[in-house]
Amino acid sequence: MHMNKFWDRVDSLRELQGISQNRFAEKIGKSLRTVEDWKRRKYIPTGDICLLIAQLFLTTTEFLITGEEITLPDDDFAKEKPVEPIQSPNGRTFIPHYNEEPTLLVPIAPQRVSAGPGQEFLPPSEYIGYVRILERMARGIDPTSLVAVSVKGDSMTGVQIFEGDMVLFAQHHISENGIYVISLYGDLKVKRLEFRSGEQKIFIHSENSRYSTEEILMTNENLMILGKVVGWVHCHPY
């Protein structure tokens, strides 16, 4: 399988850049023993570590995992290329049907969103990879507005969002109460928001009893709602 070659591709890129095993382990925040154990077991790290490795070697997580680069259509980066007609030996042309659900490619932002106390918000920069999702996960939302970010922390474990997962959010999409990616006082977070228009307040809830609820005025300029979460991809090692 392509995934069995994950560490072969990592080692090739590491050697190409002249990075030692020890230095590589330091850069991804792991011990050399841990990395060697992963390689021995052909273990693919969680999503956040894969992102770090992709950033280190200026490549994509898709390439590290599958060995394939992503080629995207010029007019719409999020949609798959249309299926091309096939001509059968008897000269008849037909559209193949593969019994597969349509998928989308969602860009991965370099920032990590905190499901915890929060982290410094980084200005937008180039995407570092793409994650493939089922088209129906977009639920009628413009797919070009979707962005994926890696999760750090444990404040949302009550809704099964874990460290290393990727949350998918629709930029600038704000509707009713729900889970959102926000920037609060410069910290990037994923939280459940409760809008109380009568009080002109927003209550910011965690899904972990260890964290308390915050409340903030809707007019507070230090709150920026980046978009509503439409789903997440588990990378958590159960």
Protein backbone atom coordinates (compact mmCIF):
# COMPACT_ATOMS: atom_id res chain seq x y z
CA MET A 1 0.00 0.00 0.00
CA HIS A 2 1.06 3.60 -0.59
CA MET A 3 0.83 4.38 3.14
CA ASN A 4 3.47 1.75 3.93
CA LYS A 5 5.96 3.99 2.10
CA PHE A 6 5.29 6.98 4.38
CA TRP A 7 8.61 6.76 6.20
CA ASP A 8 10.51 5.97 2.98
CA ARG A 9 9.28 9.28 1.57
CA VAL A 10 10.10 11.11 4.81
CA ASP A 11 13.63 9.67 4.86
CA SER A 12 14.21 10.56 1.20
CA LEU A 13 13.19 14.18 1.84
CA ARG A 14 15.20 14.30 5.07
CA GLU A 15 18.36 13.02 3.38
CA LEU A 16 17.83 15.38 0.44
CA GLN A 17 17.88 18.33 2.84
CA GLY A 18 20.80 16.95 4.85
CA ILE A 19 18.85 16.66 8.10
CA SER A 20 20.00 14.00 10.56
CA GLN A 21 17.62 11.63 12.33
CA ASN A 22 18.28 13.37 15.65
CA ARG A 23 17.65 16.82 14.19
CA PHE A 24 14.46 15.63 12.48
CA ALA A 25 13.12 14.24 15.77
CA GLU A 26 13.88 17.55 17.51
CA LYS A 27 12.09 19.55 14.83
CA ILE A 28 8.86 17.58 15.24
CA GLY A 29 9.10 17.61 19.03
CA LYS A 30 9.65 13.87 19.52
CA SER A 31 12.48 11.71 20.83
CA LEU A 32 14.66 9.74 18.44
CA ARG A 33 13.46 6.54 20.11
CA THR A 34 9.82 7.45 19.38
CA VAL A 35 10.55 8.18 15.72
CA GLU A 36 12.50 4.94 15.31
CA ASP A 37 9.63 3.02 16.92
CA TRP A 38 7.13 4.64 14.52
CA LYS A 39 9.28 3.65 11.56
CA ARG A 40 9.68 0.09 12.79
CA ARG A 41 5.91 -0.31 13.23
CA LYS A 42 5.13 1.63 10.00
CA TYR A 43 2.99 3.91 12.15
CA ILE A 44 1.67 7.09 10.51
CA PRO A 45 1.61 9.95 13.07
CA THR A 46 -1.47 11.96 13.99
CA GLY A 47 -2.61 14.79 11.73
CA ASP A 48 -0.79 17.58 13.58
CA ILE A 49 2.56 15.76 13.37
CA CYS A 50 2.00 15.00 9.68
CA LEU A 51 1.43 18.72 9.14
CA LEU A 52 4.70 19.55 10.92
CA ILE A 53 6.60 17.09 8.73
CA ALA A 54 4.95 18.45 5.57
CA GLN A 55 5.88 22.01 6.57
CA LEU A 56 9.45 20.97 7.35
CA PHE A 57 9.97 19.50 3.88
CA LEU A 58 7.80 22.02 1.98
CA THR A 59 5.46 19.32 0.73
CA THR A 60 1.90 18.17 1.41
CA THR A 61 0.43 15.62 3.79
CA GLU A 62 -1.22 13.98 0.77
CA PHE A 63 2.19 13.32 -0.78
CA LEU A 64 3.67 11.96 2.46
CA ILE A 65 0.77 9.54 2.96
CA THR A 66 -0.05 8.51 -0.62
CA GLY A 67 3.02 9.47 -2.64
CA GLU A 68 0.82 11.44 -5.02
CA GLU A 69 0.86 15.17 -5.60
CA ILE A 70 -2.51 16.91 -5.90
CA THR A 71 -3.39 18.45 -9.25
CA LEU A 72 -6.26 20.88 -8.91
CA PRO A 73 -8.53 22.41 -11.56
CA ASP A 74 -7.82 26.10 -12.21
CA ASP A 75 -11.43 27.21 -11.93
CA ASP A 76 -12.40 25.53 -8.67
CA PHE A 77 -9.74 24.14 -6.34
CA ALA A 78 -12.22 22.28 -4.17
CA LYS A 79 -14.01 20.09 -6.72
CA GLU A 80 -12.83 16.87 -8.27
CA LYS A 81 -12.13 16.79 -11.98
CA PRO A 82 -15.15 15.58 -13.98
CA VAL A 83 -15.17 11.97 -15.08
CA GLU A 84 -14.07 11.74 -18.71
CA PRO A 85 -16.20 9.79 -21.21
CA ILE A 86 -14.80 6.40 -22.24
CA GLN A 87 -15.09 4.88 -25.72
CA SER A 88 -15.74 1.14 -25.75
CA PRO A 89 -14.25 -1.22 -28.38
CA ASN A 90 -17.53 -1.20 -30.33
CA GLY A 91 -17.31 2.58 -30.72
CA ARG A 92 -19.99 3.52 -28.18
CA THR A 93 -19.20 6.34 -25.74
CA PHE A 94 -20.35 6.24 -22.13
CA ILE A 95 -19.71 7.91 -18.77
CA PRO A 96 -18.23 5.41 -16.28
CA HIS A 97 -19.98 5.03 -12.93
CA TYR A 98 -17.80 3.96 -10.03
CA ASN A 99 -20.42 3.80 -7.26
CA GLU A 100 -18.34 6.22 -5.22
CA GLU A 101 -19.60 9.30 -3.42
CA PRO A 102 -18.27 12.59 -4.81
CA THR A 103 -15.49 14.17 -2.77
CA LEU A 104 -13.94 17.59 -2.22
CA LEU A 105 -10.41 18.71 -1.49
CA VAL A 106 -10.27 21.17 1.41
CA PRO A 107 -7.10 23.24 1.95
CA ILE A 108 -5.27 22.91 5.27
CA ALA A 109 -4.26 26.17 6.96
CA PRO A 110 -0.88 26.30 8.73
CA GLN A 111 -2.41 27.55 11.98
CA ARG A 112 -3.41 25.18 14.78
CA VAL A 113 -6.74 25.92 16.44
CA SER A 114 -6.86 25.46 20.19
CA ALA A 115 -9.48 23.35 21.93
CA GLY A 116 -8.07 24.65 25.18
CA PRO A 117 -6.84 28.00 26.51
CA GLY A 118 -6.05 29.30 23.00
CA GLN A 119 -2.97 30.17 21.01
CA GLU A 120 -1.62 33.16 19.17
CA PHE A 121 -3.48 33.93 15.96
CA LEU A 122 -1.23 33.82 12.90
CA PRO A 123 -1.93 35.91 9.80
CA PRO A 124 -3.12 33.98 6.72
CA SER A 125 -0.41 32.36 4.62
CA GLU A 126 -0.12 29.66 2.00
CA TYR A 127 -1.97 26.41 2.54
CA ILE A 128 0.23 23.48 3.51
CA GLY A 129 -1.82 20.63 2.10
CA TYR A 130 -5.31 19.31 1.43
CA VAL A 131 -7.67 16.88 3.13
CA ARG A 132 -10.24 14.91 1.12
CA ILE A 133 -13.81 14.81 2.45
CA LEU A 134 -17.19 13.59 1.23
CA GLU A 135 -19.03 16.29 -0.69
CA ARG A 136 -22.14 15.85 1.47
CA MET A 137 -20.17 17.07 4.51
CA ALA A 138 -20.41 20.57 3.01
CA ARG A 139 -24.21 20.47 3.48
CA GLY A 140 -24.95 22.96 0.74
CA ILE A 141 -22.20 25.39 1.81
CA ASP A 142 -19.98 26.90 -0.89
CA PRO A 143 -17.04 24.43 -0.94
CA THR A 144 -14.56 27.19 -1.79
CA SER A 145 -15.20 28.70 1.66
CA LEU A 146 -14.06 25.55 3.49
CA VAL A 147 -10.75 25.44 5.36
CA ALA A 148 -9.27 22.72 7.59
CA VAL A 149 -7.21 23.41 10.71
CA SER A 150 -5.51 21.03 13.11
CA VAL A 151 -6.77 20.90 16.71
CA LYS A 152 -4.66 21.31 19.83
CA GLY A 153 -6.01 20.74 23.34
CA ASP A 154 -8.84 18.86 25.05
CA SER A 155 -11.63 21.35 25.77
CA MET A 156 -13.95 19.89 23.10
CA THR A 157 -13.61 16.17 23.85
CA GLY A 158 -17.25 16.07 24.94
CA VAL A 159 -18.25 16.29 21.26
CA GLN A 160 -15.45 13.93 20.18
CA ILE A 161 -13.00 16.59 18.95
CA PHE A 162 -9.55 15.47 20.06
CA GLU A 163 -5.96 16.65 19.90
CA GLY A 164 -4.64 16.16 16.36
CA ASP A 165 -8.07 16.09 14.69
CA MET A 166 -8.82 18.44 11.80
CA VAL A 167 -11.88 20.66 12.01
CA LEU A 168 -13.49 21.88 8.80
CA PHE A 169 -15.08 25.31 8.94
CA ALA A 170 -16.86 27.55 6.44
CA GLN A 171 -15.23 30.97 6.44
CA HIS A 172 -17.51 33.91 7.29
CA HIS A 173 -20.49 31.56 7.74
CA ILE A 174 -22.43 32.58 10.86
CA SER A 175 -25.92 31.32 11.60
CA GLU A 176 -27.45 29.97 14.80
CA ASN A 177 -25.78 28.53 17.90
CA GLY A 178 -23.13 25.95 17.12
CA ILE A 179 -19.42 25.15 17.04
CA TYR A 180 -17.24 27.87 15.54
CA VAL A 181 -13.61 28.75 14.92
CA ILE A 182 -12.98 32.13 16.53
CA SER A 183 -10.19 34.54 17.30
CA LEU A 184 -10.52 36.01 20.79
CA TYR A 185 -7.95 38.53 22.02
CA GLY A 186 -5.56 37.17 19.40
CA ASP A 187 -6.07 33.51 20.34
CA LEU A 188 -7.40 31.05 17.76
CA LYS A 189 -9.97 28.65 19.29
CA VAL A 190 -12.69 26.16 18.44
CA LYS A 191 -15.66 26.57 20.80
CA ARG A 192 -19.43 26.21 21.01
CA LEU A 193 -21.08 29.64 20.76
CA GLU A 194 -24.44 30.57 22.23
CA PHE A 195 -25.86 33.83 20.88
CA ARG A 196 -28.12 35.76 23.26
CA SER A 197 -29.34 38.69 21.18
CA GLY A 198 -31.58 40.01 23.95
CA GLU A 199 -28.55 40.46 26.20
CA GLN A 200 -26.24 41.43 23.32
CA LYS A 201 -23.86 38.72 24.55
CA ILE A 202 -22.15 35.63 23.23
CA PHE A 203 -21.48 32.75 25.61
CA ILE A 204 -18.37 30.73 24.72
CA HIS A 205 -18.69 27.13 25.91
CA SER A 206 -16.18 24.30 26.09
CA GLU A 207 -17.23 20.66 25.97
CA ASN A 208 -15.10 19.64 28.94
CA SER A 209 -16.03 20.32 32.57
CA ARG A 210 -12.45 21.38 33.31
CA TYR A 211 -13.03 24.61 31.37
CA SER A 212 -15.38 27.40 32.40
CA THR A 213 -17.82 29.27 30.16
CA GLU A 214 -16.79 32.73 28.98
CA GLU A 215 -19.17 35.53 28.06
CA ILE A 216 -18.47 38.52 25.88
CA LEU A 217 -20.42 41.42 24.42
CA MET A 218 -21.35 41.08 20.76
CA THR A 219 -19.82 44.51 20.18
CA ASN A 220 -16.40 43.49 21.54
CA GLU A 221 -13.88 44.18 18.77
CA ASN A 222 -11.50 41.56 20.18
CA LEU A 223 -13.83 38.77 19.05
CA MET A 224 -13.64 37.63 15.43
CA ILE A 225 -15.85 34.74 14.32
CA LEU A 226 -13.90 33.11 11.50
CA GLY A 227 -16.53 30.57 10.50
CA LYS A 228 -18.83 27.75 11.52
CA VAL A 229 -17.53 24.20 11.91
CA VAL A 230 -19.28 21.81 9.52
CA GLY A 231 -17.42 18.65 10.51
CA TRP A 232 -14.12 17.19 11.60
CA VAL A 233 -11.75 14.42 10.61
CA HIS A 234 -10.51 12.14 13.39
CA CYS A 235 -6.78 11.56 13.71
CA HIS A 236 -7.04 10.58 17.38
CA PRO A 237 -5.26 7.29 18.28
CA TYR A 238 -8.02 5.44 20.16
